[in-house]
N, C-alpha and C. Protein backbone atom coordinates (compact mmCIF):
# COMPACT_ATOMS: atom_id res chain seq x y z
N UNK A 1 41.97 -11.33 0.01
CA UNK A 1 40.49 -11.68 -0.14
C UNK A 1 40.42 -12.37 -1.25
N UNK A 2 39.89 -13.92 -1.02
CA UNK A 2 39.80 -14.54 -2.60
C UNK A 2 38.07 -15.15 -2.30
N UNK A 3 37.27 -15.25 -3.25
CA UNK A 3 36.05 -15.84 -3.51
C UNK A 3 36.12 -16.75 -4.48
N UNK A 4 35.64 -18.11 -4.22
CA UNK A 4 35.41 -19.18 -5.00
C UNK A 4 33.73 -19.46 -5.17
N UNK A 5 33.85 -20.22 -6.47
CA UNK A 5 32.64 -21.11 -6.41
C UNK A 5 33.19 -22.59 -6.15
N UNK A 6 32.33 -23.02 -5.30
CA UNK A 6 32.64 -24.27 -5.10
C UNK A 6 31.94 -25.11 -5.96
N UNK A 7 32.38 -26.24 -6.29
CA UNK A 7 31.68 -27.23 -7.31
C UNK A 7 31.87 -28.68 -6.62
N UNK A 8 32.58 -28.92 -5.63
CA UNK A 8 32.55 -30.10 -5.20
C UNK A 8 33.05 -30.18 -3.71
N UNK A 9 32.29 -31.18 -3.10
CA UNK A 9 32.39 -31.37 -1.83
C UNK A 9 31.82 -30.20 -0.69
N UNK A 10 30.67 -29.80 -1.45
CA UNK A 10 29.81 -28.71 -1.14
C UNK A 10 29.74 -28.85 0.59
N UNK A 11 29.43 -30.21 0.87
CA UNK A 11 28.77 -30.37 2.32
C UNK A 11 29.88 -29.99 3.39
N UNK A 12 31.02 -29.93 3.05
CA UNK A 12 32.18 -29.31 3.97
C UNK A 12 31.72 -28.01 4.44
N UNK A 13 30.78 -27.15 3.82
CA UNK A 13 30.42 -25.72 4.21
C UNK A 13 29.27 -25.89 4.97
N UNK A 14 28.59 -26.94 5.40
CA UNK A 14 27.55 -27.21 6.21
C UNK A 14 27.47 -26.79 7.24
N UNK A 15 28.10 -26.52 8.20
CA UNK A 15 28.60 -26.08 9.44
C UNK A 15 28.25 -24.56 9.45
N UNK A 16 28.54 -23.87 8.57
CA UNK A 16 28.77 -22.32 8.28
C UNK A 16 26.90 -22.23 7.80
N UNK A 17 26.78 -23.20 6.87
CA UNK A 17 25.22 -22.62 6.27
C UNK A 17 24.34 -22.88 7.32
N UNK A 18 24.56 -23.47 8.16
CA UNK A 18 23.43 -23.95 9.20
C UNK A 18 23.54 -22.89 10.31
N UNK A 19 24.35 -21.82 10.14
CA UNK A 19 24.36 -20.71 11.54
C UNK A 19 23.24 -19.90 11.22
N UNK A 20 22.55 -19.87 9.94
CA UNK A 20 21.56 -18.71 9.61
C UNK A 20 20.46 -19.61 10.18
N UNK A 21 20.39 -20.98 10.62
CA UNK A 21 19.10 -21.21 11.32
C UNK A 21 18.14 -22.06 10.05
N UNK A 22 18.77 -22.48 9.13
CA UNK A 22 18.31 -23.29 8.16
C UNK A 22 18.33 -24.64 8.39
N UNK A 23 17.36 -25.44 8.13
CA UNK A 23 17.03 -26.95 8.21
C UNK A 23 18.05 -27.70 7.01
N UNK A 24 18.46 -28.88 7.91
CA UNK A 24 19.56 -29.66 6.99
C UNK A 24 18.87 -30.09 5.74
N UNK A 25 17.40 -30.36 5.61
CA UNK A 25 16.99 -30.96 4.31
C UNK A 25 17.06 -29.63 3.05
N UNK A 26 16.67 -28.49 3.86
CA UNK A 26 16.74 -27.28 2.84
C UNK A 26 18.24 -26.85 2.20
N UNK A 27 19.16 -26.85 3.13
CA UNK A 27 20.50 -26.41 2.86
C UNK A 27 21.03 -27.65 1.57
N UNK A 28 20.48 -28.86 2.04
CA UNK A 28 21.19 -29.90 0.99
C UNK A 28 20.68 -29.31 -0.13
N UNK A 29 19.06 -29.26 -0.40
CA UNK A 29 18.55 -29.04 -1.69
C UNK A 29 18.98 -27.89 -2.37
N UNK A 30 19.25 -26.95 -1.49
CA UNK A 30 19.72 -25.40 -2.34
C UNK A 30 21.24 -25.83 -2.62
N UNK A 31 21.95 -26.63 -2.01
CA UNK A 31 23.44 -26.98 -2.38
C UNK A 31 23.47 -27.94 -3.95
N UNK A 32 22.22 -28.75 -3.91
CA UNK A 32 22.11 -29.85 -5.02
C UNK A 32 21.68 -28.82 -6.09
N UNK A 33 20.99 -27.80 -6.13
CA UNK A 33 20.35 -27.19 -7.20
C UNK A 33 21.12 -25.86 -7.46
N UNK A 34 21.98 -25.46 -6.13
CA UNK A 34 22.54 -23.84 -6.66
C UNK A 34 23.72 -23.98 -6.84
N UNK A 35 24.24 -22.71 -6.72
CA UNK A 35 25.94 -22.35 -6.45
C UNK A 35 26.35 -21.83 -5.29
N UNK A 36 27.35 -22.31 -4.98
CA UNK A 36 27.95 -22.18 -3.67
C UNK A 36 29.18 -21.20 -3.66
N UNK A 37 29.00 -20.11 -3.23
CA UNK A 37 30.22 -19.09 -3.23
C UNK A 37 30.94 -19.24 -1.77
N UNK A 38 32.23 -19.15 -1.88
CA UNK A 38 32.85 -18.91 -0.37
C UNK A 38 33.97 -18.00 -0.45
N UNK A 39 33.92 -17.41 0.68
CA UNK A 39 34.71 -16.01 0.73
C UNK A 39 35.72 -16.60 1.71
N UNK A 40 37.22 -16.69 1.41
CA UNK A 40 38.38 -16.64 2.35
C UNK A 40 38.95 -15.20 2.42
N UNK A 41 39.57 -15.26 3.83
CA UNK A 41 40.84 -13.92 3.80
C UNK A 41 41.50 -14.61 5.00
N UNK A 42 42.75 -14.16 4.57
CA UNK A 42 43.97 -14.89 5.44
C UNK A 42 43.91 -16.43 5.30
N UNK A 43 43.23 -16.88 4.58
CA UNK A 43 43.15 -18.74 4.34
C UNK A 43 42.18 -19.19 5.07
N UNK A 44 41.23 -18.27 5.87
CA UNK A 44 40.22 -18.77 6.59
C UNK A 44 38.90 -18.45 5.86
N UNK A 45 38.15 -19.49 6.13
CA UNK A 45 36.55 -19.36 5.82
C UNK A 45 35.77 -18.02 6.29
N UNK A 46 35.21 -17.14 5.82
CA UNK A 46 34.77 -16.02 6.60
C UNK A 46 33.29 -16.17 6.68
N UNK A 47 32.91 -16.12 5.07
CA UNK A 47 31.20 -16.27 4.65
C UNK A 47 31.02 -16.91 3.46
N UNK A 48 29.68 -17.62 3.22
CA UNK A 48 29.49 -18.36 2.31
C UNK A 48 27.88 -18.15 1.99
N UNK A 49 27.71 -18.07 0.49
CA UNK A 49 26.30 -18.04 -0.08
C UNK A 49 25.85 -18.99 -0.90
N UNK A 50 24.84 -19.43 -0.95
CA UNK A 50 24.00 -20.35 -1.79
C UNK A 50 23.04 -19.52 -2.99
N UNK A 51 23.18 -19.43 -4.19
CA UNK A 51 22.06 -19.07 -5.09
C UNK A 51 21.60 -19.79 -5.67
N UNK A 52 20.09 -19.71 -5.88
CA UNK A 52 19.59 -20.85 -6.82
C UNK A 52 18.82 -19.85 -7.71
N UNK A 53 18.56 -20.31 -9.21
CA UNK A 53 18.01 -20.05 -10.15
C UNK A 53 16.41 -20.46 -9.66
N UNK A 54 15.83 -19.26 -9.85
CA UNK A 54 14.14 -19.20 -9.45
C UNK A 54 13.73 -18.91 -10.93
N UNK A 55 12.76 -19.67 -11.68
CA UNK A 55 12.12 -19.38 -12.52
C UNK A 55 13.18 -18.98 -13.68
N UNK A 56 12.72 -18.11 -14.97
CA UNK A 56 13.64 -17.91 -16.24
C UNK A 56 14.32 -16.57 -15.94
N UNK A 57 13.61 -15.77 -14.83
CA UNK A 57 14.77 -14.43 -14.75
C UNK A 57 15.17 -13.86 -13.55
N UNK A 58 15.11 -14.89 -12.59
CA UNK A 58 15.34 -14.31 -11.21
C UNK A 58 16.45 -15.44 -10.76
N UNK A 59 17.40 -14.99 -10.08
CA UNK A 59 18.18 -15.75 -9.11
C UNK A 59 17.66 -15.52 -7.81
N UNK A 60 17.95 -16.51 -6.77
CA UNK A 60 17.95 -16.01 -5.27
C UNK A 60 19.05 -16.21 -4.60
N UNK A 61 19.35 -15.58 -3.55
CA UNK A 61 20.28 -15.86 -2.60
C UNK A 61 19.39 -16.46 -1.59
N UNK A 62 19.60 -17.92 -1.38
CA UNK A 62 18.70 -18.58 -0.50
C UNK A 62 19.83 -18.83 0.84
N UNK A 63 20.89 -18.64 0.86
CA UNK A 63 21.78 -18.70 2.19
C UNK A 63 22.55 -17.60 2.03
N UNK A 64 22.77 -16.78 2.94
CA UNK A 64 24.03 -15.83 3.60
C UNK A 64 24.54 -16.18 4.68
N UNK A 65 25.69 -16.44 4.99
CA UNK A 65 26.33 -16.62 6.34
C UNK A 65 27.20 -16.31 6.31
N UNK A 66 27.92 -15.78 7.79
CA UNK A 66 29.14 -15.19 8.23
C UNK A 66 29.17 -15.80 9.51
N UNK A 67 30.37 -16.52 9.51
CA UNK A 67 30.91 -16.90 11.04
C UNK A 67 30.60 -15.60 11.75
N UNK A 68 30.27 -15.90 13.22
CA UNK A 68 29.66 -14.63 14.04
C UNK A 68 31.03 -13.77 14.55
N UNK A 69 32.27 -14.38 14.45
CA UNK A 69 33.52 -13.33 14.83
C UNK A 69 33.94 -12.59 13.69
N UNK A 70 33.19 -12.91 12.79
CA UNK A 70 33.61 -12.24 11.36
C UNK A 70 32.62 -11.21 10.81
N UNK A 71 31.49 -11.16 11.52
CA UNK A 71 30.13 -10.20 11.10
C UNK A 71 30.61 -8.91 11.42
N UNK A 72 30.06 -8.18 10.39
CA UNK A 72 30.36 -6.55 10.38
C UNK A 72 31.86 -5.98 10.19
N UNK A 73 32.45 -6.96 9.35
CA UNK A 73 33.57 -6.66 9.20
C UNK A 73 33.90 -6.44 7.32
N UNK A 74 32.62 -6.56 6.73
CA UNK A 74 32.68 -6.34 5.08
C UNK A 74 32.59 -7.70 4.50
N UNK A 75 32.84 -8.60 5.03
CA UNK A 75 33.01 -10.24 4.25
C UNK A 75 31.73 -10.39 3.48
N UNK A 76 30.52 -10.26 4.32
CA UNK A 76 29.33 -10.42 3.34
C UNK A 76 28.85 -9.65 2.48
N UNK A 77 29.24 -8.38 2.66
CA UNK A 77 29.05 -7.33 1.17
C UNK A 77 29.94 -7.44 0.44
N UNK A 78 30.96 -7.93 0.81
CA UNK A 78 31.99 -8.29 -0.40
C UNK A 78 31.22 -9.20 -1.21
N UNK A 79 31.09 -10.43 -0.49
CA UNK A 79 30.51 -11.37 -1.32
C UNK A 79 29.51 -11.32 -2.29
N UNK A 80 28.09 -10.44 -1.65
CA UNK A 80 27.14 -10.04 -2.28
C UNK A 80 27.35 -9.19 -3.72
N UNK A 81 28.22 -8.36 -3.19
CA UNK A 81 28.87 -7.65 -4.62
C UNK A 81 29.05 -8.38 -5.58
N UNK A 82 30.17 -9.70 -5.43
CA UNK A 82 30.60 -10.53 -6.09
C UNK A 82 29.42 -11.08 -6.87
N UNK A 83 28.66 -11.57 -6.04
CA UNK A 83 27.58 -12.39 -6.47
C UNK A 83 26.66 -11.64 -7.44
N UNK A 84 26.37 -10.37 -7.33
CA UNK A 84 25.66 -9.51 -8.33
C UNK A 84 26.85 -9.17 -9.47
N UNK A 85 27.67 -9.06 -9.47
CA UNK A 85 28.62 -8.89 -10.64
C UNK A 85 28.30 -10.51 -11.42
N UNK A 86 28.75 -11.49 -10.76
CA UNK A 86 28.65 -12.91 -11.22
C UNK A 86 27.25 -12.88 -12.32
N UNK A 87 26.26 -12.58 -11.88
CA UNK A 87 25.03 -12.84 -12.20
C UNK A 87 24.33 -11.82 -13.20
N UNK A 88 25.07 -10.52 -13.28
CA UNK A 88 24.56 -9.53 -14.02
C UNK A 88 23.95 -9.81 -15.54
N UNK A 89 25.06 -10.71 -15.90
CA UNK A 89 24.13 -11.25 -17.45
C UNK A 89 23.62 -12.43 -17.50
N UNK A 90 23.14 -12.87 -16.31
CA UNK A 90 22.62 -14.40 -16.22
C UNK A 90 21.10 -14.05 -15.73
N UNK A 91 20.47 -13.13 -15.12
CA UNK A 91 19.53 -13.02 -14.89
C UNK A 91 18.71 -11.77 -14.64
N UNK A 92 17.61 -11.40 -14.64
CA UNK A 92 17.05 -10.21 -14.59
C UNK A 92 17.05 -9.68 -13.30
N UNK A 93 16.75 -10.46 -12.29
CA UNK A 93 16.61 -9.96 -10.76
C UNK A 93 17.54 -10.69 -10.05
N UNK A 94 18.04 -10.03 -8.97
CA UNK A 94 18.78 -11.26 -7.78
C UNK A 94 17.75 -10.83 -6.62
N UNK A 95 17.45 -11.81 -6.17
CA UNK A 95 16.60 -11.57 -4.79
C UNK A 95 16.94 -12.33 -3.95
N UNK A 96 16.49 -11.95 -2.74
CA UNK A 96 16.81 -12.48 -1.39
C UNK A 96 15.73 -12.43 -0.46
N UNK A 97 15.46 -13.71 0.34
CA UNK A 97 14.38 -13.70 1.18
C UNK A 97 14.98 -13.91 2.51
N UNK A 98 14.09 -12.81 3.59
CA UNK A 98 14.91 -12.56 4.94
C UNK A 98 14.11 -12.50 5.96
N UNK A 99 14.21 -13.09 7.24
CA UNK A 99 13.58 -13.00 8.35
C UNK A 99 13.44 -11.45 8.31
N UNK A 100 12.10 -11.10 8.97
CA UNK A 100 11.76 -9.53 9.28
C UNK A 100 12.84 -9.24 10.54
N UNK A 101 13.82 -8.36 9.96
CA UNK A 101 15.01 -8.16 11.02
C UNK A 101 15.74 -6.83 10.44
N UNK A 102 15.32 -5.72 11.10
CA UNK A 102 16.10 -4.48 10.66
C UNK A 102 17.28 -4.71 10.09
N UNK A 103 18.49 -5.25 10.81
CA UNK A 103 19.89 -5.01 10.55
C UNK A 103 19.70 -5.90 9.10
N UNK A 104 19.41 -6.60 8.84
CA UNK A 104 19.41 -7.46 7.66
C UNK A 104 18.88 -6.79 6.38
N UNK A 105 17.83 -6.41 6.89
CA UNK A 105 17.28 -5.25 5.69
C UNK A 105 17.72 -4.41 5.32
N UNK A 106 18.50 -3.66 6.18
CA UNK A 106 19.44 -2.61 6.36
C UNK A 106 20.68 -3.15 5.39
N UNK A 107 21.36 -4.09 5.63
CA UNK A 107 22.29 -4.93 4.59
C UNK A 107 21.90 -4.79 3.40
N UNK A 108 20.59 -5.45 2.96
CA UNK A 108 20.53 -5.84 1.65
C UNK A 108 19.90 -4.35 0.96
N UNK A 109 19.33 -3.45 1.41
CA UNK A 109 18.88 -2.16 1.06
C UNK A 109 20.39 -1.51 0.82
N UNK A 110 21.36 -1.63 1.47
CA UNK A 110 22.48 -0.65 1.50
C UNK A 110 23.19 -1.25 0.01
N UNK A 111 23.02 -2.42 -0.58
CA UNK A 111 23.43 -2.95 -1.68
C UNK A 111 22.65 -2.89 -2.55
N UNK A 112 21.44 -2.22 -2.51
CA UNK A 112 20.64 -1.69 -3.95
C UNK A 112 19.43 -2.32 -3.98
N UNK A 113 19.42 -3.76 -3.16
CA UNK A 113 17.86 -4.25 -3.00
C UNK A 113 17.01 -3.37 -2.68
N UNK A 114 15.69 -3.89 -3.13
CA UNK A 114 14.55 -3.19 -2.80
C UNK A 114 13.37 -4.13 -2.28
N UNK A 115 12.28 -3.52 -1.46
CA UNK A 115 11.42 -4.44 -1.08
C UNK A 115 10.57 -4.78 -2.23
N UNK A 116 10.29 -6.05 -1.90
CA UNK A 116 9.30 -6.69 -3.07
C UNK A 116 8.06 -6.99 -2.44
N UNK A 117 7.96 -8.09 -1.40
CA UNK A 117 6.38 -8.36 -0.90
C UNK A 117 7.10 -9.17 0.42
N UNK A 118 5.96 -9.45 1.25
CA UNK A 118 6.34 -10.04 2.33
C UNK A 118 5.45 -11.43 2.53
N UNK A 119 5.62 -12.43 3.23
CA UNK A 119 4.90 -13.77 3.16
C UNK A 119 5.09 -13.66 4.67
N UNK A 120 4.10 -13.98 5.66
CA UNK A 120 4.00 -14.08 7.02
C UNK A 120 5.41 -13.25 7.58
N UNK A 121 6.41 -13.92 8.26
CA UNK A 121 7.41 -13.11 8.76
C UNK A 121 8.69 -13.08 8.00
N UNK A 122 8.45 -13.23 6.68
CA UNK A 122 9.69 -13.39 5.53
C UNK A 122 9.18 -12.22 4.70
N UNK A 123 10.30 -11.49 4.23
CA UNK A 123 10.40 -10.43 3.31
C UNK A 123 11.22 -10.58 2.36
N UNK A 124 10.76 -10.46 1.06
CA UNK A 124 11.10 -10.91 -0.28
C UNK A 124 12.03 -9.39 -0.76
N UNK A 125 13.00 -9.59 -1.26
CA UNK A 125 13.64 -8.22 -1.73
C UNK A 125 14.37 -8.35 -3.02
N UNK A 126 14.42 -7.41 -3.86
CA UNK A 126 14.75 -7.61 -5.46
C UNK A 126 15.67 -6.77 -5.68
N UNK A 127 16.84 -6.87 -6.71
CA UNK A 127 17.59 -6.01 -7.18
C UNK A 127 17.62 -6.11 -8.82
N UNK A 128 17.39 -5.26 -9.37
CA UNK A 128 17.17 -5.50 -10.68
C UNK A 128 18.60 -5.16 -11.42
N UNK A 129 18.77 -6.16 -12.43
CA UNK A 129 20.38 -6.30 -12.86
C UNK A 129 20.32 -5.76 -14.06
N UNK A 130 19.19 -5.04 -14.38
CA UNK A 130 19.41 -4.39 -16.00
C UNK A 130 19.66 -2.50 -15.65
């Protein structure tokens, strides 16, 4: 397994990043101002995430997407663990905003994220990095 920080040609990951239902304009904006991480296994792209710095002390996972045929195999968990280590000294909190979905909430809670607040059908989770 290999995790890369992608700094060039980020648009080549758009097909995977759109699988989460994100709009093209939102994905483009996140790619412009955020960091893109891609996880490969057996030379195939499995999952990718975009993290954006929000304010002075919070970094937020804006998109986390895994190809459907690779879901449930631990790739997203491995990528989020890598992101947690990467941002441990860079942010006070790592956040994620997810649609109200029990499976996704359990995924993040299993990685140590805690409920922060909700806005409409979106739930904000935070992980203290200290």
